[in-house]
């Protein structure tokens, strides 16, 4: 009886090991096979690795009351103009969440890859509340609201900021937004026109990047 019990226990252990070994590669393979969001639009873009811009060079900032907000578009056409380490970090942010981004965008009615922004909220006050869904973008006379939000920081959902704490998420917008013309970010009754000064900065850097890549 003891021998039979031992054989059963050994068989169960072996079975669990096989299941564990067999399941891990499936997760890895499924992640590896996902094409990064926006990858179908990169053929006409310059290669990464030749840019020099910092993230703040193409980030829109505004302050509403006690809350500060920063929004960075993660479109390849923009981040490929960033310095190599910045590009890799921002590209990886989208790449590792591409399936989640597409699933959420599809559930909310988008048929194409969304335009992704990395949005951060911050305060110097002891405590401040923020309202994630109040951020909107005005572009070509059309008001765009986020079609989905994917938290990055673990406490995003409580919608409260502690002093000098940053809460960050990815915002999904309709890809109809044109970053080549002025966009206005609006939050809490405040509008930022920062993108008007970002456009010529991107255009100048794009020319330099193309020149470096050819050289």
N, C-alpha and C. Protein backbone atom coordinates (compact mmCIF):
# COMPACT_ATOMS: atom_id res chain seq x y z
N UNK A 1 0.84 -1.22 0.00
CA UNK A 1 0.00 0.00 0.00
C UNK A 1 0.86 1.25 0.00
N UNK A 2 1.93 1.21 0.84
CA UNK A 2 2.83 2.35 0.91
C UNK A 2 3.53 2.56 -0.43
N UNK A 3 3.95 1.42 -1.04
CA UNK A 3 4.62 1.52 -2.33
C UNK A 3 3.72 2.09 -3.40
N UNK A 4 2.45 1.69 -3.40
CA UNK A 4 1.49 2.22 -4.38
C UNK A 4 1.30 3.71 -4.20
N UNK A 5 1.18 4.18 -2.93
CA UNK A 5 0.99 5.61 -2.63
C UNK A 5 2.19 6.42 -3.10
N UNK A 6 3.39 5.86 -2.87
CA UNK A 6 4.60 6.56 -3.29
C UNK A 6 4.66 6.70 -4.80
N UNK A 7 4.25 5.62 -5.53
CA UNK A 7 4.28 5.69 -6.99
C UNK A 7 3.29 6.72 -7.51
N UNK A 8 2.11 6.80 -6.88
CA UNK A 8 1.11 7.79 -7.28
C UNK A 8 1.62 9.21 -7.05
N UNK A 9 2.25 9.42 -5.89
CA UNK A 9 2.79 10.75 -5.57
C UNK A 9 3.87 11.15 -6.55
N UNK A 10 4.74 10.19 -6.89
CA UNK A 10 5.81 10.48 -7.85
C UNK A 10 5.24 10.84 -9.21
N UNK A 11 4.21 10.09 -9.63
CA UNK A 11 3.58 10.37 -10.92
C UNK A 11 2.97 11.76 -10.96
N UNK A 12 2.35 12.18 -9.85
CA UNK A 12 1.75 13.50 -9.79
C UNK A 12 2.81 14.59 -9.90
N UNK A 13 3.94 14.40 -9.21
CA UNK A 13 5.02 15.39 -9.26
C UNK A 13 5.54 15.52 -10.69
N UNK A 14 5.77 14.37 -11.35
CA UNK A 14 6.26 14.39 -12.73
C UNK A 14 5.28 15.10 -13.64
N UNK A 15 3.98 14.82 -13.45
CA UNK A 15 2.95 15.46 -14.28
C UNK A 15 2.95 16.97 -14.10
N UNK A 16 3.11 17.42 -12.85
CA UNK A 16 3.12 18.86 -12.59
C UNK A 16 4.34 19.52 -13.24
N UNK A 17 5.48 18.85 -13.21
CA UNK A 17 6.67 19.40 -13.83
C UNK A 17 6.48 19.53 -15.33
N UNK A 18 5.88 18.52 -15.95
CA UNK A 18 5.65 18.55 -17.40
C UNK A 18 4.71 19.69 -17.77
N UNK A 19 3.63 19.84 -17.00
CA UNK A 19 2.68 20.93 -17.26
C UNK A 19 3.36 22.28 -17.12
N UNK A 20 4.17 22.42 -16.06
CA UNK A 20 4.86 23.69 -15.85
C UNK A 20 5.84 24.00 -16.95
N UNK A 21 6.58 23.01 -17.39
CA UNK A 21 7.55 23.23 -18.45
C UNK A 21 6.88 23.51 -19.78
N UNK A 22 5.74 22.90 -20.00
CA UNK A 22 5.07 23.05 -21.28
C UNK A 22 4.34 24.36 -21.42
N UNK A 23 3.91 24.98 -20.30
CA UNK A 23 3.09 26.18 -20.39
C UNK A 23 3.90 27.44 -20.59
N UNK A 24 5.12 27.49 -20.05
CA UNK A 24 5.91 28.72 -20.12
C UNK A 24 6.23 29.16 -21.54
N UNK A 25 6.69 28.25 -22.43
CA UNK A 25 7.01 28.69 -23.78
C UNK A 25 5.82 29.27 -24.53
N UNK A 26 4.60 28.82 -24.23
CA UNK A 26 3.43 29.32 -24.93
C UNK A 26 3.24 30.81 -24.65
N UNK A 27 3.44 31.20 -23.37
CA UNK A 27 3.31 32.61 -23.02
C UNK A 27 4.38 33.43 -23.72
N UNK A 28 5.61 32.90 -23.72
CA UNK A 28 6.70 33.62 -24.36
C UNK A 28 6.47 33.76 -25.86
N UNK A 29 6.02 32.65 -26.50
CA UNK A 29 5.79 32.67 -27.94
C UNK A 29 4.69 33.66 -28.30
N UNK A 30 3.61 33.67 -27.52
CA UNK A 30 2.49 34.55 -27.84
C UNK A 30 2.90 36.00 -27.73
N UNK A 31 3.78 36.32 -26.77
CA UNK A 31 4.26 37.69 -26.65
C UNK A 31 5.16 38.06 -27.80
N UNK A 32 6.03 37.11 -28.18
CA UNK A 32 6.99 37.39 -29.25
C UNK A 32 6.31 37.58 -30.59
N UNK A 33 5.16 36.95 -30.80
CA UNK A 33 4.48 37.01 -32.09
C UNK A 33 3.62 38.26 -32.27
N UNK A 34 3.44 39.04 -31.21
CA UNK A 34 2.61 40.24 -31.29
C UNK A 34 3.41 41.37 -31.94
N UNK A 35 2.87 41.93 -33.02
CA UNK A 35 3.50 43.07 -33.68
C UNK A 35 3.26 44.33 -32.85
N UNK A 36 4.30 45.13 -32.61
CA UNK A 36 4.12 46.35 -31.81
C UNK A 36 3.08 47.28 -32.43
N UNK A 37 2.34 47.97 -31.60
CA UNK A 37 1.36 48.93 -32.07
C UNK A 37 2.04 49.98 -32.94
N UNK A 38 1.47 50.23 -34.12
CA UNK A 38 2.03 51.22 -35.03
C UNK A 38 3.12 50.71 -35.94
N UNK A 39 3.44 49.42 -35.87
CA UNK A 39 4.55 48.87 -36.64
C UNK A 39 4.27 48.84 -38.14
N UNK A 40 3.00 48.88 -38.54
CA UNK A 40 2.67 48.84 -39.97
C UNK A 40 2.91 50.19 -40.65
N UNK A 41 3.21 51.22 -39.87
CA UNK A 41 3.37 52.56 -40.43
C UNK A 41 4.81 53.04 -40.36
N UNK A 42 5.76 52.13 -40.18
CA UNK A 42 7.14 52.53 -39.94
C UNK A 42 8.04 52.45 -41.17
N UNK A 43 7.53 51.92 -42.28
CA UNK A 43 8.39 51.72 -43.44
C UNK A 43 8.96 53.02 -43.99
N UNK A 44 8.20 54.09 -43.92
CA UNK A 44 8.65 55.37 -44.47
C UNK A 44 9.40 56.22 -43.44
N UNK A 45 9.61 55.69 -42.25
CA UNK A 45 10.26 56.46 -41.19
C UNK A 45 11.76 56.20 -41.17
N UNK A 46 12.52 57.17 -40.67
CA UNK A 46 13.96 56.94 -40.52
C UNK A 46 14.21 55.88 -39.45
N UNK A 47 15.35 55.20 -39.52
CA UNK A 47 15.63 54.16 -38.53
C UNK A 47 15.86 54.76 -37.15
N UNK A 48 15.58 54.02 -36.10
CA UNK A 48 15.88 54.51 -34.75
C UNK A 48 17.37 54.52 -34.48
N UNK A 49 17.78 55.27 -33.49
CA UNK A 49 19.18 55.27 -33.08
C UNK A 49 19.97 56.48 -33.52
N UNK A 50 19.34 57.39 -34.30
CA UNK A 50 20.05 58.56 -34.80
C UNK A 50 19.54 59.87 -34.19
N UNK A 51 18.53 59.80 -33.36
CA UNK A 51 17.95 61.01 -32.78
C UNK A 51 18.73 61.51 -31.58
N UNK A 52 18.42 62.73 -31.16
CA UNK A 52 19.10 63.34 -30.00
C UNK A 52 18.12 63.97 -29.02
N UNK A 53 16.82 63.95 -29.31
CA UNK A 53 15.86 64.65 -28.48
C UNK A 53 15.65 63.95 -27.13
N UNK A 54 15.39 64.77 -26.11
CA UNK A 54 14.98 64.25 -24.81
C UNK A 54 13.46 64.10 -24.79
N UNK A 55 12.95 63.31 -23.87
CA UNK A 55 11.50 63.12 -23.81
C UNK A 55 10.78 64.45 -23.60
N UNK A 56 11.33 65.32 -22.77
CA UNK A 56 10.68 66.61 -22.52
C UNK A 56 10.60 67.47 -23.78
N UNK A 57 11.44 67.18 -24.78
CA UNK A 57 11.41 67.97 -26.01
C UNK A 57 10.15 67.74 -26.83
N UNK A 58 9.45 66.63 -26.58
CA UNK A 58 8.20 66.37 -27.31
C UNK A 58 7.08 65.98 -26.34
N UNK A 59 7.12 66.59 -25.16
CA UNK A 59 6.10 66.36 -24.14
C UNK A 59 5.31 67.64 -23.90
N UNK A 60 4.01 67.50 -23.77
CA UNK A 60 3.12 68.63 -23.47
C UNK A 60 2.85 68.65 -21.97
N UNK A 61 2.98 69.81 -21.37
CA UNK A 61 2.76 69.93 -19.92
C UNK A 61 1.72 71.01 -19.64
N UNK A 62 0.99 70.80 -18.57
CA UNK A 62 0.06 71.83 -18.09
C UNK A 62 -0.18 71.63 -16.60
N UNK A 63 -0.70 72.67 -15.96
CA UNK A 63 -1.03 72.59 -14.54
C UNK A 63 -2.45 73.08 -14.32
N UNK A 64 -3.22 72.28 -13.61
CA UNK A 64 -4.58 72.63 -13.26
C UNK A 64 -4.72 72.54 -11.75
N UNK A 65 -4.82 73.69 -11.11
CA UNK A 65 -4.91 73.69 -9.65
C UNK A 65 -3.64 73.12 -9.03
N UNK A 66 -3.79 72.11 -8.19
CA UNK A 66 -2.65 71.51 -7.51
C UNK A 66 -2.02 70.37 -8.29
N UNK A 67 -2.57 70.06 -9.44
CA UNK A 67 -2.12 68.90 -10.21
C UNK A 67 -1.36 69.33 -11.46
N UNK A 68 -0.20 68.71 -11.67
CA UNK A 68 0.57 68.90 -12.89
C UNK A 68 0.41 67.66 -13.77
N UNK A 69 0.37 67.88 -15.06
CA UNK A 69 0.15 66.80 -16.01
C UNK A 69 1.18 66.90 -17.13
N UNK A 70 1.68 65.74 -17.55
CA UNK A 70 2.56 65.67 -18.72
C UNK A 70 2.06 64.57 -19.64
N UNK A 71 2.04 64.87 -20.94
CA UNK A 71 1.57 63.90 -21.93
C UNK A 71 2.58 63.79 -23.06
N UNK A 72 3.02 62.56 -23.34
CA UNK A 72 4.02 62.30 -24.37
C UNK A 72 3.45 61.36 -25.42
N UNK A 73 3.34 61.77 -26.68
CA UNK A 73 2.89 60.84 -27.72
C UNK A 73 3.96 59.78 -27.96
N UNK A 74 3.54 58.52 -28.06
CA UNK A 74 4.48 57.42 -28.25
C UNK A 74 4.44 56.89 -29.69
N UNK A 75 3.97 57.71 -30.60
CA UNK A 75 3.98 57.34 -32.02
C UNK A 75 5.42 57.17 -32.49
N UNK A 76 5.67 56.15 -33.31
CA UNK A 76 7.02 55.90 -33.80
C UNK A 76 7.59 57.10 -34.54
N UNK A 77 6.75 57.82 -35.28
CA UNK A 77 7.22 58.98 -36.03
C UNK A 77 7.81 60.04 -35.11
N UNK A 78 7.40 60.03 -33.85
CA UNK A 78 7.91 60.99 -32.87
C UNK A 78 9.09 60.41 -32.11
N UNK A 79 8.92 59.23 -31.52
CA UNK A 79 9.95 58.73 -30.61
C UNK A 79 11.22 58.28 -31.34
N UNK A 80 11.15 58.05 -32.65
CA UNK A 80 12.36 57.71 -33.40
C UNK A 80 13.31 58.89 -33.52
N UNK A 81 12.86 60.06 -33.15
CA UNK A 81 13.71 61.25 -33.16
C UNK A 81 14.37 61.47 -31.81
N UNK A 82 14.09 60.59 -30.86
CA UNK A 82 14.66 60.70 -29.52
C UNK A 82 16.04 60.05 -29.47
N UNK A 83 16.81 60.40 -28.45
CA UNK A 83 18.10 59.76 -28.22
C UNK A 83 17.89 58.26 -28.06
N UNK A 84 18.88 57.44 -28.41
CA UNK A 84 18.69 55.99 -28.43
C UNK A 84 18.14 55.39 -27.15
N UNK A 85 18.64 55.79 -25.99
CA UNK A 85 18.15 55.21 -24.74
C UNK A 85 16.70 55.60 -24.49
N UNK A 86 16.35 56.85 -24.82
CA UNK A 86 14.97 57.30 -24.65
C UNK A 86 14.05 56.56 -25.61
N UNK A 87 14.49 56.41 -26.85
CA UNK A 87 13.68 55.67 -27.82
C UNK A 87 13.42 54.24 -27.35
N UNK A 88 14.45 53.54 -26.92
CA UNK A 88 14.29 52.16 -26.49
C UNK A 88 13.32 52.04 -25.33
N UNK A 89 13.40 52.97 -24.38
CA UNK A 89 12.52 52.94 -23.21
C UNK A 89 11.07 53.17 -23.61
N UNK A 90 10.82 54.17 -24.44
CA UNK A 90 9.44 54.49 -24.83
C UNK A 90 8.87 53.44 -25.77
N UNK A 91 9.70 52.97 -26.69
CA UNK A 91 9.25 51.92 -27.61
C UNK A 91 8.88 50.65 -26.84
N UNK A 92 9.71 50.31 -25.86
CA UNK A 92 9.44 49.11 -25.06
C UNK A 92 8.15 49.26 -24.26
N UNK A 93 7.85 50.46 -23.82
CA UNK A 93 6.62 50.70 -23.07
C UNK A 93 5.40 50.29 -23.87
N UNK A 94 5.40 50.60 -25.16
CA UNK A 94 4.29 50.23 -26.04
C UNK A 94 4.39 48.77 -26.46
N UNK A 95 5.58 48.35 -26.82
CA UNK A 95 5.78 47.00 -27.35
C UNK A 95 5.30 45.92 -26.38
N UNK A 96 5.62 46.06 -25.11
CA UNK A 96 5.27 45.03 -24.13
C UNK A 96 3.78 45.00 -23.81
N UNK A 97 3.06 46.04 -24.22
CA UNK A 97 1.62 46.11 -23.94
C UNK A 97 0.78 46.13 -25.21
N UNK A 98 1.39 45.79 -26.33
CA UNK A 98 0.71 45.93 -27.62
C UNK A 98 -0.58 45.13 -27.70
N UNK A 99 -0.56 43.89 -27.24
CA UNK A 99 -1.77 43.08 -27.30
C UNK A 99 -2.87 43.66 -26.43
N UNK A 100 -2.51 44.10 -25.24
CA UNK A 100 -3.47 44.72 -24.33
C UNK A 100 -4.03 46.01 -24.94
N UNK A 101 -3.17 46.78 -25.57
CA UNK A 101 -3.60 48.03 -26.21
C UNK A 101 -4.61 47.74 -27.32
N UNK A 102 -4.28 46.79 -28.18
CA UNK A 102 -5.17 46.46 -29.30
C UNK A 102 -6.50 45.90 -28.80
N UNK A 103 -6.45 45.03 -27.81
CA UNK A 103 -7.68 44.43 -27.30
C UNK A 103 -8.61 45.51 -26.75
N UNK A 104 -8.06 46.44 -25.98
CA UNK A 104 -8.88 47.50 -25.39
C UNK A 104 -9.41 48.43 -26.48
N UNK A 105 -8.57 48.76 -27.45
CA UNK A 105 -9.01 49.64 -28.53
C UNK A 105 -10.13 49.00 -29.34
N UNK A 106 -10.00 47.71 -29.62
CA UNK A 106 -11.02 47.00 -30.40
C UNK A 106 -12.34 46.95 -29.64
N UNK A 107 -12.27 46.67 -28.35
CA UNK A 107 -13.50 46.61 -27.54
C UNK A 107 -14.22 47.95 -27.51
N UNK A 108 -13.47 49.03 -27.72
CA UNK A 108 -14.07 50.36 -27.68
C UNK A 108 -14.28 50.95 -29.07
N UNK A 109 -14.29 50.08 -30.09
CA UNK A 109 -14.75 50.50 -31.41
C UNK A 109 -13.70 50.94 -32.40
N UNK A 110 -12.41 50.90 -32.05
CA UNK A 110 -11.37 51.30 -33.00
C UNK A 110 -10.98 50.12 -33.87
N UNK A 111 -10.89 50.35 -35.16
CA UNK A 111 -10.51 49.29 -36.09
C UNK A 111 -9.02 49.34 -36.45
N UNK A 112 -8.36 50.44 -36.14
CA UNK A 112 -6.94 50.58 -36.39
C UNK A 112 -6.20 50.77 -35.07
N UNK A 113 -4.87 50.59 -35.12
CA UNK A 113 -4.07 50.83 -33.93
C UNK A 113 -4.31 52.25 -33.43
N UNK A 114 -4.48 52.42 -32.13
CA UNK A 114 -4.71 53.76 -31.58
C UNK A 114 -3.43 54.57 -31.52
N UNK A 115 -3.58 55.87 -31.32
CA UNK A 115 -2.46 56.74 -31.00
C UNK A 115 -2.29 56.70 -29.49
N UNK A 116 -1.11 56.32 -29.04
CA UNK A 116 -0.87 56.11 -27.62
C UNK A 116 -0.11 57.29 -27.03
N UNK A 117 -0.59 57.79 -25.91
CA UNK A 117 0.11 58.82 -25.14
C UNK A 117 0.49 58.23 -23.78
N UNK A 118 1.68 58.56 -23.31
CA UNK A 118 2.03 58.28 -21.92
C UNK A 118 1.71 59.53 -21.11
N UNK A 119 0.83 59.39 -20.13
CA UNK A 119 0.35 60.54 -19.35
C UNK A 119 0.70 60.34 -17.88
N UNK A 120 1.26 61.39 -17.27
CA UNK A 120 1.64 61.35 -15.87
C UNK A 120 1.01 62.51 -15.11
N UNK A 121 0.57 62.21 -13.90
CA UNK A 121 0.03 63.23 -12.99
C UNK A 121 0.98 63.35 -11.80
N UNK A 122 1.13 64.61 -11.27
CA UNK A 122 2.11 64.88 -10.22
C UNK A 122 1.61 66.05 -9.39
N UNK A 123 2.04 66.09 -8.12
CA UNK A 123 1.72 67.24 -7.28
C UNK A 123 2.83 67.49 -6.27
N UNK A 124 2.98 68.78 -5.91
CA UNK A 124 3.88 69.16 -4.82
C UNK A 124 3.12 69.26 -3.51
N UNK A 125 1.80 69.21 -3.57
CA UNK A 125 0.98 69.32 -2.37
C UNK A 125 1.03 68.03 -1.56
N UNK A 126 0.56 68.11 -0.33
CA UNK A 126 0.54 66.92 0.53
C UNK A 126 -0.34 65.84 -0.09
N UNK A 127 -1.43 66.27 -0.69
CA UNK A 127 -2.34 65.33 -1.34
C UNK A 127 -3.18 66.07 -2.37
N UNK A 128 -3.49 65.42 -3.46
CA UNK A 128 -4.33 66.03 -4.49
C UNK A 128 -5.02 64.94 -5.29
N UNK A 129 -6.26 65.21 -5.67
CA UNK A 129 -7.02 64.26 -6.48
C UNK A 129 -6.88 64.62 -7.96
N UNK A 130 -6.97 63.62 -8.81
CA UNK A 130 -6.98 63.87 -10.25
C UNK A 130 -8.08 63.03 -10.89
N UNK A 131 -8.54 63.49 -12.04
CA UNK A 131 -9.63 62.83 -12.75
C UNK A 131 -9.13 62.38 -14.13
N UNK A 132 -8.75 61.12 -14.25
CA UNK A 132 -8.09 60.63 -15.48
C UNK A 132 -8.88 60.88 -16.76
N UNK A 133 -10.19 60.73 -16.72
CA UNK A 133 -10.98 60.81 -17.96
C UNK A 133 -11.25 62.24 -18.40
N UNK A 134 -10.79 63.22 -17.64
CA UNK A 134 -11.04 64.62 -18.00
C UNK A 134 -10.04 65.16 -19.02
N UNK A 135 -9.04 64.38 -19.37
CA UNK A 135 -8.06 64.82 -20.36
C UNK A 135 -8.62 64.61 -21.76
N UNK A 136 -8.63 65.66 -22.57
CA UNK A 136 -9.12 65.56 -23.96
C UNK A 136 -8.14 66.28 -24.87
N UNK A 137 -8.23 65.97 -26.17
CA UNK A 137 -7.36 66.58 -27.17
C UNK A 137 -8.22 67.23 -28.25
N UNK A 138 -7.89 68.47 -28.59
CA UNK A 138 -8.56 69.17 -29.68
C UNK A 138 -7.60 69.22 -30.87
N UNK A 139 -8.04 68.69 -32.01
CA UNK A 139 -7.19 68.62 -33.19
C UNK A 139 -8.04 68.80 -34.44
N UNK A 140 -7.69 69.76 -35.29
CA UNK A 140 -8.44 70.07 -36.50
C UNK A 140 -9.92 70.33 -36.21
N UNK A 141 -10.17 70.97 -35.10
CA UNK A 141 -11.53 71.32 -34.74
C UNK A 141 -12.36 70.18 -34.18
N UNK A 142 -11.75 69.02 -33.96
CA UNK A 142 -12.46 67.85 -33.43
C UNK A 142 -11.96 67.57 -32.02
N UNK A 143 -12.90 67.30 -31.12
CA UNK A 143 -12.55 66.98 -29.74
C UNK A 143 -12.44 65.47 -29.58
N UNK A 144 -11.28 65.00 -29.16
CA UNK A 144 -11.03 63.58 -28.97
C UNK A 144 -10.93 63.25 -27.49
N UNK A 145 -11.69 62.27 -27.08
CA UNK A 145 -11.60 61.75 -25.71
C UNK A 145 -10.87 60.40 -25.74
N UNK A 146 -10.20 60.04 -24.65
CA UNK A 146 -9.52 58.74 -24.64
C UNK A 146 -10.51 57.60 -24.79
N UNK A 147 -10.18 56.64 -25.64
CA UNK A 147 -11.05 55.47 -25.82
C UNK A 147 -10.68 54.38 -24.84
N UNK A 148 -9.56 54.53 -24.16
CA UNK A 148 -9.14 53.55 -23.17
C UNK A 148 -7.94 54.06 -22.40
N UNK A 149 -7.77 53.55 -21.19
CA UNK A 149 -6.65 53.94 -20.33
C UNK A 149 -6.06 52.66 -19.73
N UNK A 150 -4.73 52.51 -19.85
CA UNK A 150 -4.04 51.35 -19.29
C UNK A 150 -3.08 51.85 -18.21
N UNK A 151 -3.35 51.56 -16.95
CA UNK A 151 -2.46 52.02 -15.87
C UNK A 151 -1.07 51.41 -15.98
N UNK A 152 -0.06 52.20 -15.63
CA UNK A 152 1.31 51.71 -15.52
C UNK A 152 1.71 51.61 -14.05
N UNK A 153 1.46 52.66 -13.30
CA UNK A 153 1.77 52.62 -11.87
C UNK A 153 0.65 51.88 -11.12
N UNK A 154 1.00 51.12 -10.08
CA UNK A 154 0.03 50.23 -9.44
C UNK A 154 -1.12 50.92 -8.72
N UNK A 155 -0.93 52.16 -8.28
CA UNK A 155 -1.98 52.83 -7.50
C UNK A 155 -2.75 53.86 -8.33
N UNK A 156 -2.69 53.72 -9.63
CA UNK A 156 -3.40 54.64 -10.52
C UNK A 156 -4.88 54.72 -10.20
N UNK A 157 -5.50 53.60 -9.93
CA UNK A 157 -6.95 53.54 -9.78
C UNK A 157 -7.52 54.31 -8.61
N UNK A 158 -6.72 54.65 -7.62
CA UNK A 158 -7.29 55.39 -6.48
C UNK A 158 -7.45 56.88 -6.77
N UNK A 159 -6.86 57.36 -7.87
CA UNK A 159 -7.05 58.74 -8.35
C UNK A 159 -6.69 59.78 -7.30
N UNK A 160 -5.66 59.46 -6.51
CA UNK A 160 -5.15 60.37 -5.50
C UNK A 160 -3.63 60.42 -5.61
N UNK A 161 -3.08 61.62 -5.46
CA UNK A 161 -1.64 61.80 -5.50
C UNK A 161 -1.12 62.16 -4.12
N UNK A 162 -0.04 61.53 -3.73
CA UNK A 162 0.69 61.96 -2.55
C UNK A 162 1.76 62.96 -2.98
N UNK A 163 2.35 63.64 -2.02
CA UNK A 163 3.33 64.67 -2.33
C UNK A 163 4.50 64.10 -3.15
N UNK A 164 4.78 64.73 -4.28
CA UNK A 164 5.85 64.36 -5.20
C UNK A 164 5.76 62.90 -5.67
N UNK A 165 4.54 62.41 -5.74
CA UNK A 165 4.29 61.08 -6.27
C UNK A 165 3.80 61.21 -7.71
N UNK A 166 4.25 60.30 -8.57
CA UNK A 166 3.85 60.31 -9.97
C UNK A 166 2.97 59.10 -10.25
N UNK A 167 1.82 59.35 -10.88
CA UNK A 167 0.95 58.27 -11.34
C UNK A 167 0.90 58.34 -12.87
N UNK A 168 1.14 57.20 -13.50
CA UNK A 168 1.31 57.17 -14.95
C UNK A 168 0.43 56.10 -15.60
N UNK A 169 -0.08 56.41 -16.79
CA UNK A 169 -0.88 55.45 -17.55
C UNK A 169 -0.69 55.71 -19.04
N UNK A 170 -1.10 54.73 -19.83
CA UNK A 170 -1.14 54.90 -21.28
C UNK A 170 -2.56 55.26 -21.69
N UNK A 171 -2.70 56.32 -22.47
CA UNK A 171 -3.99 56.78 -22.96
C UNK A 171 -4.10 56.42 -24.43
N UNK A 172 -5.20 55.81 -24.81
CA UNK A 172 -5.43 55.42 -26.19
C UNK A 172 -6.40 56.39 -26.84
N UNK A 173 -5.97 56.99 -27.95
CA UNK A 173 -6.81 57.92 -28.69
C UNK A 173 -6.98 57.43 -30.12
N UNK A 174 -8.01 57.93 -30.76
CA UNK A 174 -8.24 57.63 -32.17
C UNK A 174 -7.03 58.08 -32.99
N UNK A 175 -6.59 57.22 -33.90
CA UNK A 175 -5.41 57.54 -34.72
C UNK A 175 -5.68 58.64 -35.74
N UNK A 176 -6.92 59.13 -35.79
CA UNK A 176 -7.24 60.25 -36.69
C UNK A 176 -6.56 61.54 -36.22
N UNK A 177 -6.08 61.58 -35.00
CA UNK A 177 -5.35 62.75 -34.52
C UNK A 177 -4.08 62.91 -35.35
N UNK A 178 -3.86 64.13 -35.85
CA UNK A 178 -2.71 64.42 -36.72
C UNK A 178 -1.67 65.20 -35.92
N UNK A 179 -0.55 64.56 -35.61
CA UNK A 179 0.49 65.20 -34.82
C UNK A 179 1.31 66.20 -35.64
N UNK A 180 1.07 66.26 -36.94
CA UNK A 180 1.79 67.22 -37.78
C UNK A 180 1.17 68.61 -37.75
N UNK A 181 0.01 68.72 -37.14
CA UNK A 181 -0.62 70.03 -36.95
C UNK A 181 -0.87 70.22 -35.46
N UNK A 182 -1.20 71.43 -35.10
CA UNK A 182 -1.32 71.77 -33.67
C UNK A 182 -2.40 70.94 -32.98
N UNK A 183 -2.05 70.38 -31.84
CA UNK A 183 -3.03 69.75 -30.97
C UNK A 183 -3.08 70.54 -29.67
N UNK A 184 -4.27 70.61 -29.09
CA UNK A 184 -4.44 71.28 -27.81
C UNK A 184 -4.86 70.25 -26.77
N UNK A 185 -4.13 70.19 -25.69
CA UNK A 185 -4.51 69.31 -24.59
C UNK A 185 -5.29 70.11 -23.55
N UNK A 186 -6.42 69.56 -23.14
CA UNK A 186 -7.26 70.26 -22.18
C UNK A 186 -7.52 69.36 -20.97
N UNK A 187 -7.34 69.95 -19.78
CA UNK A 187 -7.62 69.21 -18.54
C UNK A 187 -7.97 70.21 -17.45
N UNK A 188 -9.06 69.94 -16.76
CA UNK A 188 -9.44 70.76 -15.61
C UNK A 188 -9.62 72.23 -15.94
N UNK A 189 -10.12 72.51 -17.15
CA UNK A 189 -10.36 73.90 -17.52
C UNK A 189 -9.13 74.63 -18.02
N UNK A 190 -8.01 73.92 -18.15
CA UNK A 190 -6.76 74.53 -18.61
C UNK A 190 -6.38 73.92 -19.95
N UNK A 191 -5.90 74.75 -20.88
CA UNK A 191 -5.50 74.28 -22.20
C UNK A 191 -4.02 74.53 -22.42
N UNK A 192 -3.31 73.53 -22.96
CA UNK A 192 -1.90 73.68 -23.30
C UNK A 192 -1.76 73.77 -24.82
N UNK A 193 -0.99 74.78 -25.25
CA UNK A 193 -0.68 74.95 -26.67
C UNK A 193 0.78 74.59 -26.96
N UNK A 194 1.41 73.84 -26.06
CA UNK A 194 2.84 73.51 -26.18
C UNK A 194 3.19 72.83 -27.50
N UNK A 195 2.25 72.06 -28.05
CA UNK A 195 2.60 71.29 -29.25
C UNK A 195 2.95 72.19 -30.43
N UNK A 196 2.48 73.43 -30.41
CA UNK A 196 2.81 74.36 -31.49
C UNK A 196 4.32 74.60 -31.58
N UNK A 197 5.00 74.57 -30.45
CA UNK A 197 6.46 74.75 -30.45
C UNK A 197 7.19 73.43 -30.63
N UNK A 198 6.51 72.31 -30.41
CA UNK A 198 7.13 71.00 -30.59
C UNK A 198 7.26 70.64 -32.07
N UNK A 199 6.25 71.01 -32.87
CA UNK A 199 6.23 70.63 -34.30
C UNK A 199 7.50 71.06 -35.03
N UNK A 200 7.91 72.33 -34.98
CA UNK A 200 9.14 72.71 -35.69
C UNK A 200 10.39 72.02 -35.13
N UNK A 201 10.37 71.71 -33.85
CA UNK A 201 11.50 71.00 -33.24
C UNK A 201 11.61 69.59 -33.82
N UNK A 202 10.46 68.93 -33.99
CA UNK A 202 10.45 67.59 -34.57
C UNK A 202 10.87 67.63 -36.04
N UNK A 203 10.38 68.62 -36.78
CA UNK A 203 10.71 68.73 -38.20
C UNK A 203 12.21 68.94 -38.40
N UNK A 204 12.81 69.78 -37.58
CA UNK A 204 14.24 70.04 -37.70
C UNK A 204 15.05 68.79 -37.36
N UNK A 205 14.65 68.11 -36.30
CA UNK A 205 15.38 66.89 -35.90
C UNK A 205 15.19 65.78 -36.92
N UNK A 206 14.02 65.70 -37.53
CA UNK A 206 13.78 64.67 -38.55
C UNK A 206 14.75 64.84 -39.72
N UNK A 207 14.97 66.08 -40.13
CA UNK A 207 15.93 66.33 -41.20
C UNK A 207 17.34 65.91 -40.80
N UNK A 208 17.71 66.19 -39.56
CA UNK A 208 19.05 65.80 -39.09
C UNK A 208 19.18 64.29 -38.99
N UNK A 209 18.13 63.62 -38.53
CA UNK A 209 18.17 62.17 -38.39
C UNK A 209 18.33 61.50 -39.77
N UNK A 210 17.57 61.97 -40.75
CA UNK A 210 17.69 61.41 -42.10
C UNK A 210 19.10 61.61 -42.64
N UNK A 211 19.66 62.77 -42.39
CA UNK A 211 21.02 63.05 -42.85
C UNK A 211 22.03 62.13 -42.18
N UNK A 212 21.90 61.95 -40.88
CA UNK A 212 22.82 61.06 -40.16
C UNK A 212 22.70 59.62 -40.65
N UNK A 213 21.47 59.18 -40.86
CA UNK A 213 21.25 57.80 -41.30
C UNK A 213 21.86 57.56 -42.68
N UNK A 214 21.77 58.54 -43.56
CA UNK A 214 22.32 58.39 -44.92
C UNK A 214 23.85 58.45 -44.89
N UNK A 215 24.37 59.26 -43.93
CA UNK A 215 25.81 59.43 -43.87
C UNK A 215 26.52 58.27 -43.25
